[in-house]
Amino acid sequence: MKPVCMVIGAGAGIGGHVGKRFAMEGYHAVLCRRSDEEGLNRLVADIVDVGGSASGYLLNVAEADSIESRVAAVEAEIGPIEVVAYN
């Protein structure tokens, strides 16, 4: 099982690059952003295409319990989160 890094705010800039970097260092990158599902899927595909491991989720942190629910789901389905970056 790979260690898990969760990036909240994984857009096309800093957040996406943080996720890519962790994925290239052997982590499974869990990438979360509020909108642009197509861009999120492209970011995940870019990581997977170069041998990394990643998954992506749309996440609106303004919704009650959205972060807590996503963390619980990730830890149940993928593994314990070792690193979180809130961008």
C-alpha atoms as a PDB file:
ATOM      1  CA  MET A   1       0.000   0.000   0.000  1.00  0.00           C
ATOM      2  CA  LYS A   2       1.342   3.418  -0.955  1.00  0.00           C
ATOM      3  CA  PRO A   3       1.327   6.330   1.453  1.00  0.00           C
ATOM      4  CA  VAL A   4      -1.445   8.820   0.672  1.00  0.00           C
ATOM      5  CA  CYS A   5      -1.133  12.563   0.087  1.00  0.00           C
ATOM      6  CA  MET A   6      -4.372  14.551  -0.116  1.00  0.00           C
ATOM      7  CA  VAL A   7      -4.271  17.909  -1.873  1.00  0.00           C
ATOM      8  CA  ILE A   8      -7.265  20.186  -1.374  1.00  0.00           C
ATOM      9  CA  GLY A   9      -7.191  22.871  -4.029  1.00  0.00           C
ATOM     10  CA  ALA A  10      -5.431  20.780  -6.682  1.00  0.00           C
ATOM     11  CA  GLY A  11      -5.847  23.149  -9.591  1.00  0.00           C
ATOM     12  CA  ALA A  12      -3.617  23.725 -12.584  1.00  0.00           C
ATOM     13  CA  GLY A  13      -1.063  25.683 -10.543  1.00  0.00           C
ATOM     14  CA  ILE A  14       0.585  25.057  -7.190  1.00  0.00           C
ATOM     15  CA  GLY A  15      -1.893  22.467  -5.876  1.00  0.00           C
ATOM     16  CA  GLY A  16      -1.653  20.315  -8.987  1.00  0.00           C
ATOM     17  CA  HIS A  17       2.139  20.493  -8.954  1.00  0.00           C
ATOM     18  CA  VAL A  18       2.258  19.504  -5.283  1.00  0.00           C
ATOM     19  CA  GLY A  19       0.116  16.458  -6.069  1.00  0.00           C
ATOM     20  CA  LYS A  20       2.325  15.508  -9.026  1.00  0.00           C
ATOM     21  CA  ARG A  21       5.467  15.832  -6.952  1.00  0.00           C
ATOM     22  CA  PHE A  22       4.171  13.584  -4.185  1.00  0.00           C
ATOM     23  CA  ALA A  23       2.955  11.045  -6.756  1.00  0.00           C
ATOM     24  CA  MET A  24       6.406  10.965  -8.347  1.00  0.00           C
ATOM     25  CA  GLU A  25       7.899  10.280  -4.904  1.00  0.00           C
ATOM     26  CA  GLY A  26       5.764   7.157  -4.429  1.00  0.00           C
ATOM     27  CA  TYR A  27       2.601   8.524  -2.840  1.00  0.00           C
ATOM     28  CA  HIS A  28      -0.933   8.001  -4.048  1.00  0.00           C
ATOM     29  CA  ALA A  29      -2.072  11.566  -4.719  1.00  0.00           C
ATOM     30  CA  VAL A  30      -5.698  12.306  -3.848  1.00  0.00           C
ATOM     31  CA  LEU A  31      -6.483  15.476  -5.745  1.00  0.00           C
ATOM     32  CA  CYS A  32      -9.495  17.570  -4.757  1.00  0.00           C
ATOM     33  CA  ARG A  33     -10.847  20.713  -6.332  1.00  0.00           C
ATOM     34  CA  ARG A  34     -14.127  22.585  -6.321  1.00  0.00           C
ATOM     35  CA  SER A  35     -14.851  22.602 -10.059  1.00  0.00           C
ATOM     36  CA  ASP A  36     -13.531  21.726 -13.535  1.00  0.00           C
ATOM     37  CA  GLU A  37     -13.932  17.965 -13.507  1.00  0.00           C
ATOM     38  CA  GLU A  38     -12.382  17.753 -16.973  1.00  0.00           C
ATOM     39  CA  GLY A  39      -9.229  19.499 -15.764  1.00  0.00           C
ATOM     40  CA  LEU A  40      -9.138  17.272 -12.681  1.00  0.00           C
ATOM     41  CA  ASN A  41      -9.387  14.136 -14.810  1.00  0.00           C
ATOM     42  CA  ARG A  42      -6.614  15.454 -17.062  1.00  0.00           C
ATOM     43  CA  LEU A  43      -4.368  16.062 -14.031  1.00  0.00           C
ATOM     44  CA  VAL A  44      -4.971  12.530 -12.738  1.00  0.00           C
ATOM     45  CA  ALA A  45      -4.291  11.102 -16.212  1.00  0.00           C
ATOM     46  CA  ASP A  46      -1.041  13.090 -16.490  1.00  0.00           C
ATOM     47  CA  ILE A  47       0.174  11.551 -13.233  1.00  0.00           C
ATOM     48  CA  VAL A  48      -0.865   8.021 -14.177  1.00  0.00           C
ATOM     49  CA  ASP A  49       0.677   8.370 -17.664  1.00  0.00           C
ATOM     50  CA  VAL A  50       4.122   8.878 -16.152  1.00  0.00           C
ATOM     51  CA  GLY A  51       3.788   5.975 -13.726  1.00  0.00           C
ATOM     52  CA  GLY A  52       2.343   7.731 -10.693  1.00  0.00           C
ATOM     53  CA  SER A  53      -0.749   6.877  -8.708  1.00  0.00           C
ATOM     54  CA  ALA A  54      -3.608   9.357  -8.302  1.00  0.00           C
ATOM     55  CA  SER A  55      -7.336   9.814  -7.990  1.00  0.00           C
ATOM     56  CA  GLY A  56      -9.436  12.945  -8.204  1.00  0.00           C
ATOM     57  CA  TYR A  57     -12.590  14.227  -6.562  1.00  0.00           C
ATOM     58  CA  LEU A  58     -14.702  17.336  -6.813  1.00  0.00           C
ATOM     59  CA  LEU A  59     -14.947  18.838  -3.330  1.00  0.00           C
ATOM     60  CA  ASN A  60     -16.686  22.013  -2.216  1.00  0.00           C
ATOM     61  CA  VAL A  61     -15.166  22.763   1.178  1.00  0.00           C
ATOM     62  CA  ALA A  62     -17.910  25.314   1.900  1.00  0.00           C
ATOM     63  CA  GLU A  63     -20.416  22.464   2.268  1.00  0.00           C
ATOM     64  CA  ALA A  64     -20.857  21.167   5.798  1.00  0.00           C
ATOM     65  CA  ASP A  65     -18.871  17.989   6.545  1.00  0.00           C
ATOM     66  CA  SER A  66     -17.509  17.788   2.995  1.00  0.00           C
ATOM     67  CA  ILE A  67     -13.881  17.521   4.080  1.00  0.00           C
ATOM     68  CA  GLU A  68     -14.629  15.074   6.886  1.00  0.00           C
ATOM     69  CA  SER A  69     -16.653  12.868   4.538  1.00  0.00           C
ATOM     70  CA  ARG A  70     -13.961  12.852   1.861  1.00  0.00           C
ATOM     71  CA  VAL A  71     -11.201  12.071   4.374  1.00  0.00           C
ATOM     72  CA  ALA A  72     -13.218   9.160   5.792  1.00  0.00           C
ATOM     73  CA  ALA A  73     -13.907   7.799   2.289  1.00  0.00           C
ATOM     74  CA  VAL A  74     -10.264   8.099   1.207  1.00  0.00           C
ATOM     75  CA  GLU A  75      -8.997   6.359   4.323  1.00  0.00           C
ATOM     76  CA  ALA A  76     -11.562   3.565   3.925  1.00  0.00           C
ATOM     77  CA  GLU A  77     -11.032   3.060   0.179  1.00  0.00           C
ATOM     78  CA  ILE A  78      -7.377   3.994  -0.447  1.00  0.00           C
ATOM     79  CA  GLY A  79      -5.520   4.063   2.868  1.00  0.00           C
ATOM     80  CA  PRO A  80      -4.472   6.297   5.724  1.00  0.00           C
ATOM     81  CA  ILE A  81      -3.624   9.856   4.745  1.00  0.00           C
ATOM     82  CA  GLU A  82      -0.062  10.759   5.716  1.00  0.00           C
ATOM     83  CA  VAL A  83       0.157  14.244   4.186  1.00  0.00           C
ATOM     84  CA  VAL A  84      -2.470  16.927   3.575  1.00  0.00           C
ATOM     85  CA  ALA A  85      -1.883  20.116   1.617  1.00  0.00           C
ATOM     86  CA  TYR A  86      -4.611  22.761   1.704  1.00  0.00           C
ATOM     87  CA  ASN A  87      -3.895  25.106  -1.155  1.00  0.00           C
END
